[in-house]
PDB file of N, CA and C in Angstrom:
ATOM      1  N   UNK A   1     -29.082  14.652  14.764  1.00  0.00           N
ATOM      2  CA  UNK A   1     -29.143  13.195  14.743  1.00  0.00           C
ATOM      3  C   UNK A   1     -29.435  12.629  16.126  1.00  0.00           C
ATOM      4  N   UNK A   2     -29.444  13.459  17.126  1.00  0.00           N
ATOM      5  CA  UNK A   2     -29.625  12.964  18.486  1.00  0.00           C
ATOM      6  C   UNK A   2     -30.870  12.095  18.582  1.00  0.00           C
ATOM      7  N   UNK A   3     -30.645  10.837  18.885  1.00  0.00           N
ATOM      8  CA  UNK A   3     -31.750   9.902  19.047  1.00  0.00           C
ATOM      9  C   UNK A   3     -32.263   9.295  17.758  1.00  0.00           C
ATOM     10  N   UNK A   4     -31.867   9.815  16.603  1.00  0.00           N
ATOM     11  CA  UNK A   4     -32.318   9.262  15.323  1.00  0.00           C
ATOM     12  C   UNK A   4     -31.255   8.283  14.822  1.00  0.00           C
ATOM     13  N   UNK A   5     -31.297   7.077  15.363  1.00  0.00           N
ATOM     14  CA  UNK A   5     -30.268   6.090  15.039  1.00  0.00           C
ATOM     15  C   UNK A   5     -30.374   5.584  13.606  1.00  0.00           C
ATOM     16  N   UNK A   6     -31.553   5.649  13.036  1.00  0.00           N
ATOM     17  CA  UNK A   6     -31.705   5.247  11.630  1.00  0.00           C
ATOM     18  C   UNK A   6     -30.894   6.185  10.734  1.00  0.00           C
ATOM     19  N   UNK A   7     -31.106   7.482  10.911  1.00  0.00           N
ATOM     20  CA  UNK A   7     -30.361   8.475  10.132  1.00  0.00           C
ATOM     21  C   UNK A   7     -28.872   8.396  10.440  1.00  0.00           C
ATOM     22  N   UNK A   8     -28.537   8.284  11.713  1.00  0.00           N
ATOM     23  CA  UNK A   8     -27.125   8.236  12.100  1.00  0.00           C
ATOM     24  C   UNK A   8     -26.420   7.025  11.490  1.00  0.00           C
ATOM     25  N   UNK A   9     -27.113   5.890  11.465  1.00  0.00           N
ATOM     26  CA  UNK A   9     -26.523   4.692  10.858  1.00  0.00           C
ATOM     27  C   UNK A   9     -26.244   4.933   9.387  1.00  0.00           C
ATOM     28  N   UNK A  10     -27.209   5.498   8.691  1.00  0.00           N
ATOM     29  CA  UNK A  10     -27.027   5.782   7.255  1.00  0.00           C
ATOM     30  C   UNK A  10     -25.878   6.754   7.020  1.00  0.00           C
ATOM     31  N   UNK A  11     -25.838   7.814   7.836  1.00  0.00           N
ATOM     32  CA  UNK A  11     -24.784   8.815   7.652  1.00  0.00           C
ATOM     33  C   UNK A  11     -23.404   8.232   7.938  1.00  0.00           C
ATOM     34  N   UNK A  12     -23.247   7.540   9.058  1.00  0.00           N
ATOM     35  CA  UNK A  12     -21.943   6.952   9.391  1.00  0.00           C
ATOM     36  C   UNK A  12     -21.524   5.917   8.356  1.00  0.00           C
ATOM     37  N   UNK A  13     -22.466   5.112   7.898  1.00  0.00           N
ATOM     38  CA  UNK A  13     -22.133   4.112   6.879  1.00  0.00           C
ATOM     39  C   UNK A  13     -21.703   4.808   5.593  1.00  0.00           C
ATOM     40  N   UNK A  14     -22.430   5.840   5.205  1.00  0.00           N
ATOM     41  CA  UNK A  14     -22.065   6.606   4.004  1.00  0.00           C
ATOM     42  C   UNK A  14     -20.695   7.236   4.121  1.00  0.00           C
ATOM     43  N   UNK A  15     -20.389   7.778   5.278  1.00  0.00           N
ATOM     44  CA  UNK A  15     -19.057   8.372   5.510  1.00  0.00           C
ATOM     45  C   UNK A  15     -17.988   7.288   5.397  1.00  0.00           C
ATOM     46  N   UNK A  16     -18.239   6.140   5.987  1.00  0.00           N
ATOM     47  CA  UNK A  16     -17.269   5.047   5.915  1.00  0.00           C
ATOM     48  C   UNK A  16     -17.019   4.586   4.492  1.00  0.00           C
ATOM     49  N   UNK A  17     -18.090   4.414   3.725  1.00  0.00           N
ATOM     50  CA  UNK A  17     -17.967   3.987   2.323  1.00  0.00           C
ATOM     51  C   UNK A  17     -17.233   5.048   1.510  1.00  0.00           C
ATOM     52  N   UNK A  18     -17.581   6.308   1.741  1.00  0.00           N
ATOM     53  CA  UNK A  18     -16.927   7.409   1.026  1.00  0.00           C
ATOM     54  C   UNK A  18     -15.440   7.489   1.356  1.00  0.00           C
ATOM     55  N   UNK A  19     -15.123   7.380   2.627  1.00  0.00           N
ATOM     56  CA  UNK A  19     -13.708   7.423   3.029  1.00  0.00           C
ATOM     57  C   UNK A  19     -12.945   6.213   2.489  1.00  0.00           C
ATOM     58  N   UNK A  20     -13.592   5.073   2.501  1.00  0.00           N
ATOM     59  CA  UNK A  20     -12.948   3.854   2.010  1.00  0.00           C
ATOM     60  C   UNK A  20     -12.597   3.971   0.527  1.00  0.00           C
ATOM     61  N   UNK A  21     -13.369   4.741  -0.214  1.00  0.00           N
ATOM     62  CA  UNK A  21     -13.082   4.944  -1.635  1.00  0.00           C
ATOM     63  C   UNK A  21     -11.813   5.756  -1.851  1.00  0.00           C
ATOM     64  N   UNK A  22     -11.413   6.535  -0.831  1.00  0.00           N
ATOM     65  CA  UNK A  22     -10.243   7.407  -0.975  1.00  0.00           C
ATOM     66  C   UNK A  22      -9.121   7.118   0.005  1.00  0.00           C
ATOM     67  N   UNK A  23      -9.396   6.284   0.981  1.00  0.00           N
ATOM     68  CA  UNK A  23      -8.393   6.020   2.013  1.00  0.00           C
ATOM     69  C   UNK A  23      -8.168   4.517   2.165  1.00  0.00           C
ATOM     70  N   UNK A  24      -7.116   4.211   2.851  1.00  0.00           N
ATOM     71  CA  UNK A  24      -6.774   2.826   3.140  1.00  0.00           C
ATOM     72  C   UNK A  24      -7.836   2.204   4.043  1.00  0.00           C
ATOM     73  N   UNK A  25      -8.121   0.915   3.861  1.00  0.00           N
ATOM     74  CA  UNK A  25      -9.107   0.251   4.716  1.00  0.00           C
ATOM     75  C   UNK A  25      -8.725   0.226   6.199  1.00  0.00           C
ATOM     76  N   UNK A  26      -7.467   0.465   6.502  1.00  0.00           N
ATOM     77  CA  UNK A  26      -7.079   0.484   7.915  1.00  0.00           C
ATOM     78  C   UNK A  26      -6.871   1.911   8.438  1.00  0.00           C
ATOM     79  N   UNK A  27      -7.309   2.920   7.659  1.00  0.00           N
ATOM     80  CA  UNK A  27      -7.198   4.316   8.111  1.00  0.00           C
ATOM     81  C   UNK A  27      -8.097   4.531   9.330  1.00  0.00           C
ATOM     82  N   UNK A  28      -7.610   5.253  10.312  1.00  0.00           N
ATOM     83  CA  UNK A  28      -8.407   5.486  11.523  1.00  0.00           C
ATOM     84  C   UNK A  28      -9.769   6.130  11.240  1.00  0.00           C
ATOM     85  N   UNK A  29      -9.831   7.007  10.243  1.00  0.00           N
ATOM     86  CA  UNK A  29     -11.090   7.670   9.917  1.00  0.00           C
ATOM     87  C   UNK A  29     -12.115   6.692   9.355  1.00  0.00           C
ATOM     88  N   UNK A  30     -11.653   5.746   8.561  1.00  0.00           N
ATOM     89  CA  UNK A  30     -12.545   4.728   8.000  1.00  0.00           C
ATOM     90  C   UNK A  30     -13.062   3.842   9.129  1.00  0.00           C
ATOM     91  N   UNK A  31     -12.155   3.401   9.970  1.00  0.00           N
ATOM     92  CA  UNK A  31     -12.551   2.539  11.089  1.00  0.00           C
ATOM     93  C   UNK A  31     -13.443   3.281  12.082  1.00  0.00           C
ATOM     94  N   UNK A  32     -13.184   4.559  12.286  1.00  0.00           N
ATOM     95  CA  UNK A  32     -14.024   5.348  13.178  1.00  0.00           C
ATOM     96  C   UNK A  32     -15.442   5.487  12.647  1.00  0.00           C
ATOM     97  N   UNK A  33     -15.564   5.722  11.348  1.00  0.00           N
ATOM     98  CA  UNK A  33     -16.893   5.829  10.745  1.00  0.00           C
ATOM     99  C   UNK A  33     -17.625   4.497  10.835  1.00  0.00           C
ATOM    100  N   UNK A  34     -16.915   3.402  10.584  1.00  0.00           N
ATOM    101  CA  UNK A  34     -17.536   2.076  10.684  1.00  0.00           C
ATOM    102  C   UNK A  34     -17.975   1.794  12.110  1.00  0.00           C
ATOM    103  N   UNK A  35     -17.155   2.179  13.075  1.00  0.00           N
ATOM    104  CA  UNK A  35     -17.517   1.972  14.480  1.00  0.00           C
ATOM    105  C   UNK A  35     -18.751   2.787  14.845  1.00  0.00           C
ATOM    106  N   UNK A  36     -18.823   4.017  14.361  1.00  0.00           N
ATOM    107  CA  UNK A  36     -19.991   4.853  14.604  1.00  0.00           C
ATOM    108  C   UNK A  36     -21.248   4.259  13.992  1.00  0.00           C
ATOM    109  N   UNK A  37     -21.118   3.760  12.771  1.00  0.00           N
ATOM    110  CA  UNK A  37     -22.260   3.145  12.092  1.00  0.00           C
ATOM    111  C   UNK A  37     -22.722   1.899  12.832  1.00  0.00           C
ATOM    112  N   UNK A  38     -21.771   1.095  13.255  1.00  0.00           N
ATOM    113  CA  UNK A  38     -22.113  -0.137  13.961  1.00  0.00           C
ATOM    114  C   UNK A  38     -22.816   0.172  15.282  1.00  0.00           C
ATOM    115  N   UNK A  39     -22.300   1.131  16.018  1.00  0.00           N
ATOM    116  CA  UNK A  39     -22.932   1.498  17.287  1.00  0.00           C
ATOM    117  C   UNK A  39     -24.375   1.963  17.056  1.00  0.00           C
ATOM    118  N   UNK A  40     -24.542   2.876  16.117  1.00  0.00           N
ATOM    119  CA  UNK A  40     -25.889   3.403  15.859  1.00  0.00           C
ATOM    120  C   UNK A  40     -26.829   2.302  15.392  1.00  0.00           C
ATOM    121  N   UNK A  41     -26.336   1.415  14.564  1.00  0.00           N
ATOM    122  CA  UNK A  41     -27.159   0.311  14.062  1.00  0.00           C
ATOM    123  C   UNK A  41     -27.611  -0.597  15.189  1.00  0.00           C
ATOM    124  N   UNK A  42     -26.728  -0.827  16.154  1.00  0.00           N
ATOM    125  CA  UNK A  42     -27.115  -1.692  17.275  1.00  0.00           C
ATOM    126  C   UNK A  42     -28.138  -1.020  18.185  1.00  0.00           C
ATOM    127  N   UNK A  43     -28.279   0.290  18.077  1.00  0.00           N
ATOM    128  CA  UNK A  43     -29.251   1.014  18.894  1.00  0.00           C
ATOM    129  C   UNK A  43     -30.632   1.086  18.239  1.00  0.00           C
ATOM    130  N   UNK A  44     -30.716   0.727  16.976  1.00  0.00           N
ATOM    131  CA  UNK A  44     -31.997   0.764  16.265  1.00  0.00           C
ATOM    132  C   UNK A  44     -32.964  -0.246  16.861  1.00  0.00           C
ATOM    133  N   UNK A  45     -34.116   0.230  17.270  1.00  0.00           N
ATOM    134  CA  UNK A  45     -35.141  -0.649  17.826  1.00  0.00           C
ATOM    135  C   UNK A  45     -36.125  -1.112  16.746  1.00  0.00           C
ATOM    136  N   UNK A  46     -36.251  -0.335  15.681  1.00  0.00           N
ATOM    137  CA  UNK A  46     -37.129  -0.680  14.567  1.00  0.00           C
ATOM    138  C   UNK A  46     -36.461  -1.788  13.752  1.00  0.00           C
ATOM    139  N   UNK A  47     -37.020  -2.986  13.858  1.00  0.00           N
ATOM    140  CA  UNK A  47     -36.398  -4.148  13.214  1.00  0.00           C
ATOM    141  C   UNK A  47     -36.304  -3.996  11.699  1.00  0.00           C
ATOM    142  N   UNK A  48     -37.349  -3.466  11.089  1.00  0.00           N
ATOM    143  CA  UNK A  48     -37.335  -3.305   9.631  1.00  0.00           C
ATOM    144  C   UNK A  48     -36.245  -2.323   9.204  1.00  0.00           C
ATOM    145  N   UNK A  49     -36.096  -1.222   9.931  1.00  0.00           N
ATOM    146  CA  UNK A  49     -35.061  -0.232   9.610  1.00  0.00           C
ATOM    147  C   UNK A  49     -33.671  -0.829   9.793  1.00  0.00           C
ATOM    148  N   UNK A  50     -33.499  -1.591  10.858  1.00  0.00           N
ATOM    149  CA  UNK A  50     -32.199  -2.219  11.101  1.00  0.00           C
ATOM    150  C   UNK A  50     -31.894  -3.261  10.026  1.00  0.00           C
ATOM    151  N   UNK A  51     -32.903  -4.028   9.641  1.00  0.00           N
ATOM    152  CA  UNK A  51     -32.706  -5.041   8.594  1.00  0.00           C
ATOM    153  C   UNK A  51     -32.371  -4.375   7.263  1.00  0.00           C
ATOM    154  N   UNK A  52     -32.960  -3.224   7.017  1.00  0.00           N
ATOM    155  CA  UNK A  52     -32.695  -2.489   5.771  1.00  0.00           C
ATOM    156  C   UNK A  52     -31.275  -1.926   5.736  1.00  0.00           C
ATOM    157  N   UNK A  53     -30.812  -1.408   6.860  1.00  0.00           N
ATOM    158  CA  UNK A  53     -29.487  -0.779   6.920  1.00  0.00           C
ATOM    159  C   UNK A  53     -28.359  -1.789   7.074  1.00  0.00           C
ATOM    160  N   UNK A  54     -28.679  -3.001   7.508  1.00  0.00           N
ATOM    161  CA  UNK A  54     -27.662  -3.996   7.813  1.00  0.00           C
ATOM    162  C   UNK A  54     -26.748  -4.409   6.681  1.00  0.00           C
ATOM    163  N   UNK A  55     -27.277  -4.723   5.502  1.00  0.00           N
ATOM    164  CA  UNK A  55     -26.388  -5.222   4.445  1.00  0.00           C
ATOM    165  C   UNK A  55     -25.271  -4.254   4.048  1.00  0.00           C
ATOM    166  N   UNK A  56     -25.593  -2.979   3.909  1.00  0.00           N
ATOM    167  CA  UNK A  56     -24.549  -2.020   3.535  1.00  0.00           C
ATOM    168  C   UNK A  56     -23.507  -1.889   4.644  1.00  0.00           C
ATOM    169  N   UNK A  57     -23.974  -1.888   5.875  1.00  0.00           N
ATOM    170  CA  UNK A  57     -23.045  -1.828   7.002  1.00  0.00           C
ATOM    171  C   UNK A  57     -22.136  -3.049   7.012  1.00  0.00           C
ATOM    172  N   UNK A  58     -22.690  -4.207   6.782  1.00  0.00           N
ATOM    173  CA  UNK A  58     -21.893  -5.435   6.792  1.00  0.00           C
ATOM    174  C   UNK A  58     -20.884  -5.440   5.647  1.00  0.00           C
ATOM    175  N   UNK A  59     -21.266  -4.908   4.494  1.00  0.00           N
ATOM    176  CA  UNK A  59     -20.296  -4.785   3.393  1.00  0.00           C
ATOM    177  C   UNK A  59     -19.129  -3.893   3.814  1.00  0.00           C
ATOM    178  N   UNK A  60     -19.454  -2.785   4.478  1.00  0.00           N
ATOM    179  CA  UNK A  60     -18.396  -1.882   4.950  1.00  0.00           C
ATOM    180  C   UNK A  60     -17.505  -2.590   5.961  1.00  0.00           C
ATOM    181  N   UNK A  61     -18.096  -3.219   6.941  1.00  0.00           N
ATOM    182  CA  UNK A  61     -17.312  -3.915   7.967  1.00  0.00           C
ATOM    183  C   UNK A  61     -16.434  -5.005   7.350  1.00  0.00           C
ATOM    184  N   UNK A  62     -16.972  -5.705   6.364  1.00  0.00           N
ATOM    185  CA  UNK A  62     -16.227  -6.780   5.711  1.00  0.00           C
ATOM    186  C   UNK A  62     -15.026  -6.291   4.921  1.00  0.00           C
ATOM    187  N   UNK A  63     -15.009  -5.015   4.570  1.00  0.00           N
ATOM    188  CA  UNK A  63     -13.906  -4.450   3.784  1.00  0.00           C
ATOM    189  C   UNK A  63     -12.767  -3.931   4.661  1.00  0.00           C
ATOM    190  N   UNK A  64     -12.910  -4.069   5.976  1.00  0.00           N
ATOM    191  CA  UNK A  64     -11.917  -3.503   6.893  1.00  0.00           C
ATOM    192  C   UNK A  64     -11.101  -4.614   7.552  1.00  0.00           C
ATOM    193  N   UNK A  65      -9.878  -4.828   7.068  1.00  0.00           N
ATOM    194  CA  UNK A  65      -9.072  -5.936   7.588  1.00  0.00           C
ATOM    195  C   UNK A  65      -8.651  -5.774   9.049  1.00  0.00           C
ATOM    196  N   UNK A  66      -8.579  -4.541   9.537  1.00  0.00           N
ATOM    197  CA  UNK A  66      -8.129  -4.350  10.912  1.00  0.00           C
ATOM    198  C   UNK A  66      -9.279  -4.408  11.919  1.00  0.00           C
ATOM    199  N   UNK A  67     -10.488  -4.579  11.420  1.00  0.00           N
ATOM    200  CA  UNK A  67     -11.650  -4.683  12.295  1.00  0.00           C
ATOM    201  C   UNK A  67     -11.605  -5.995  13.070  1.00  0.00           C
ATOM    202  N   UNK A  68     -11.995  -5.942  14.312  1.00  0.00           N
ATOM    203  CA  UNK A  68     -12.111  -7.164  15.110  1.00  0.00           C
ATOM    204  C   UNK A  68     -13.147  -8.054  14.425  1.00  0.00           C
ATOM    205  N   UNK A  69     -12.771  -9.244  13.995  1.00  0.00           N
ATOM    206  CA  UNK A  69     -13.701 -10.104  13.247  1.00  0.00           C
ATOM    207  C   UNK A  69     -14.961 -10.459  14.035  1.00  0.00           C
ATOM    208  N   UNK A  70     -14.904 -10.353  15.342  1.00  0.00           N
ATOM    209  CA  UNK A  70     -16.100 -10.634  16.147  1.00  0.00           C
ATOM    210  C   UNK A  70     -17.198  -9.609  15.876  1.00  0.00           C
ATOM    211  N   UNK A  71     -16.817  -8.370  15.567  1.00  0.00           N
ATOM    212  CA  UNK A  71     -17.824  -7.342  15.265  1.00  0.00           C
ATOM    213  C   UNK A  71     -18.592  -7.704  14.000  1.00  0.00           C
ATOM    214  N   UNK A  72     -17.867  -8.136  12.992  1.00  0.00           N
ATOM    215  CA  UNK A  72     -18.510  -8.515  11.738  1.00  0.00           C
ATOM    216  C   UNK A  72     -19.420  -9.722  11.948  1.00  0.00           C
ATOM    217  N   UNK A  73     -18.957 -10.699  12.673  1.00  0.00           N
ATOM    218  CA  UNK A  73     -19.768 -11.896  12.913  1.00  0.00           C
ATOM    219  C   UNK A  73     -21.020 -11.558  13.721  1.00  0.00           C
ATOM    220  N   UNK A  74     -20.880 -10.732  14.733  1.00  0.00           N
ATOM    221  CA  UNK A  74     -22.054 -10.336  15.521  1.00  0.00           C
ATOM    222  C   UNK A  74     -23.048  -9.546  14.669  1.00  0.00           C
ATOM    223  N   UNK A  75     -22.544  -8.687  13.785  1.00  0.00           N
ATOM    224  CA  UNK A  75     -23.435  -7.931  12.895  1.00  0.00           C
ATOM    225  C   UNK A  75     -24.170  -8.878  11.950  1.00  0.00           C
ATOM    226  N   UNK A  76     -23.465  -9.844  11.423  1.00  0.00           N
ATOM    227  CA  UNK A  76     -24.118 -10.829  10.538  1.00  0.00           C
ATOM    228  C   UNK A  76     -25.192 -11.615  11.284  1.00  0.00           C
ATOM    229  N   UNK A  77     -24.890 -12.011  12.502  1.00  0.00           N
ATOM    230  CA  UNK A  77     -25.864 -12.755  13.295  1.00  0.00           C
ATOM    231  C   UNK A  77     -27.090 -11.895  13.601  1.00  0.00           C
ATOM    232  N   UNK A  78     -26.854 -10.642  13.955  1.00  0.00           N
ATOM    233  CA  UNK A  78     -27.997  -9.753  14.243  1.00  0.00           C
ATOM    234  C   UNK A  78     -28.857  -9.572  13.009  1.00  0.00           C
ATOM    235  N   UNK A  79     -28.225  -9.361  11.850  1.00  0.00           N
ATOM    236  CA  UNK A  79     -28.997  -9.180  10.628  1.00  0.00           C
ATOM    237  C   UNK A  79     -29.826 -10.423  10.321  1.00  0.00           C
ATOM    238  N   UNK A  80     -29.243 -11.581  10.514  1.00  0.00           N
ATOM    239  CA  UNK A  80     -29.983 -12.825  10.282  1.00  0.00           C
ATOM    240  C   UNK A  80     -31.198 -12.907  11.212  1.00  0.00           C
ATOM    241  N   UNK A  81     -31.004 -12.581  12.472  1.00  0.00           N
ATOM    242  CA  UNK A  81     -32.122 -12.584  13.428  1.00  0.00           C
ATOM    243  C   UNK A  81     -33.186 -11.558  13.049  1.00  0.00           C
ATOM    244  N   UNK A  82     -32.743 -10.393  12.612  1.00  0.00           N
ATOM    245  CA  UNK A  82     -33.680  -9.355  12.206  1.00  0.00           C
ATOM    246  C   UNK A  82     -34.504  -9.803  11.005  1.00  0.00           C
ATOM    247  N   UNK A  83     -33.850 -10.408  10.052  1.00  0.00           N
ATOM    248  CA  UNK A  83     -34.558 -10.883   8.857  1.00  0.00           C
ATOM    249  C   UNK A  83     -35.567 -11.970   9.211  1.00  0.00           C
ATOM    250  N   UNK A  84     -35.193 -12.848  10.127  1.00  0.00           N
ATOM    251  CA  UNK A  84     -36.105 -13.908  10.540  1.00  0.00           C
ATOM    252  C   UNK A  84     -37.310 -13.354  11.284  1.00  0.00           C
ATOM    253  N   UNK A  85     -37.115 -12.237  11.984  1.00  0.00           N
ATOM    254  CA  UNK A  85     -38.184 -11.679  12.814  1.00  0.00           C
ATOM    255  C   UNK A  85     -39.006 -10.604  12.114  1.00  0.00           C
ATOM    256  N   UNK A  86     -38.536 -10.115  10.947  1.00  0.00           N
ATOM    257  CA  UNK A  86     -39.241  -9.064  10.244  1.00  0.00           C
ATOM    258  C   UNK A  86     -40.286  -9.681   9.320  1.00  0.00           C
ATOM    259  N   UNK A  87     -41.548  -9.274   9.460  1.00  0.00           N
ATOM    260  CA  UNK A  87     -42.602  -9.825   8.597  1.00  0.00           C
ATOM    261  C   UNK A  87     -42.312  -9.543   7.122  1.00  0.00           C
ATOM    262  N   UNK A  88     -42.662 -10.474   6.283  1.00  0.00           N
ATOM    263  CA  UNK A  88     -42.500 -10.295   4.835  1.00  0.00           C
ATOM    264  C   UNK A  88     -43.382  -9.142   4.392  1.00  0.00           C
ATOM    265  N   UNK A  89     -42.834  -8.317   3.516  1.00  0.00           N
ATOM    266  CA  UNK A  89     -43.583  -7.173   3.016  1.00  0.00           C
ATOM    267  C   UNK A  89     -43.328  -5.902   3.762  1.00  0.00           C
ATOM    268  N   UNK A  90     -42.485  -5.920   4.765  1.00  0.00           N
ATOM    269  CA  UNK A  90     -42.155  -4.690   5.507  1.00  0.00           C
ATOM    270  C   UNK A  90     -40.886  -4.112   5.004  1.00  0.00           C
TER     271      UNK A  90
END
């Protein structure tokens, strides 16, 4: 995954969603996976890829009550900016 932030974002988000299905939303493993996904997503330079991965990540972040709410708000703002900047049809 080194340098492949698109894949890393998908994998970390998938791990977070999977763990959330079996663990408490405030479990360290769930929060760690969400943090990993968020970091990788913020490193994505491909706007279309980031816009595609954003909604699932935001759903995961929104399900975590112990998450710093600023992270969720910043992710929502970034996704909105990405959507505004991504050409239709991409």
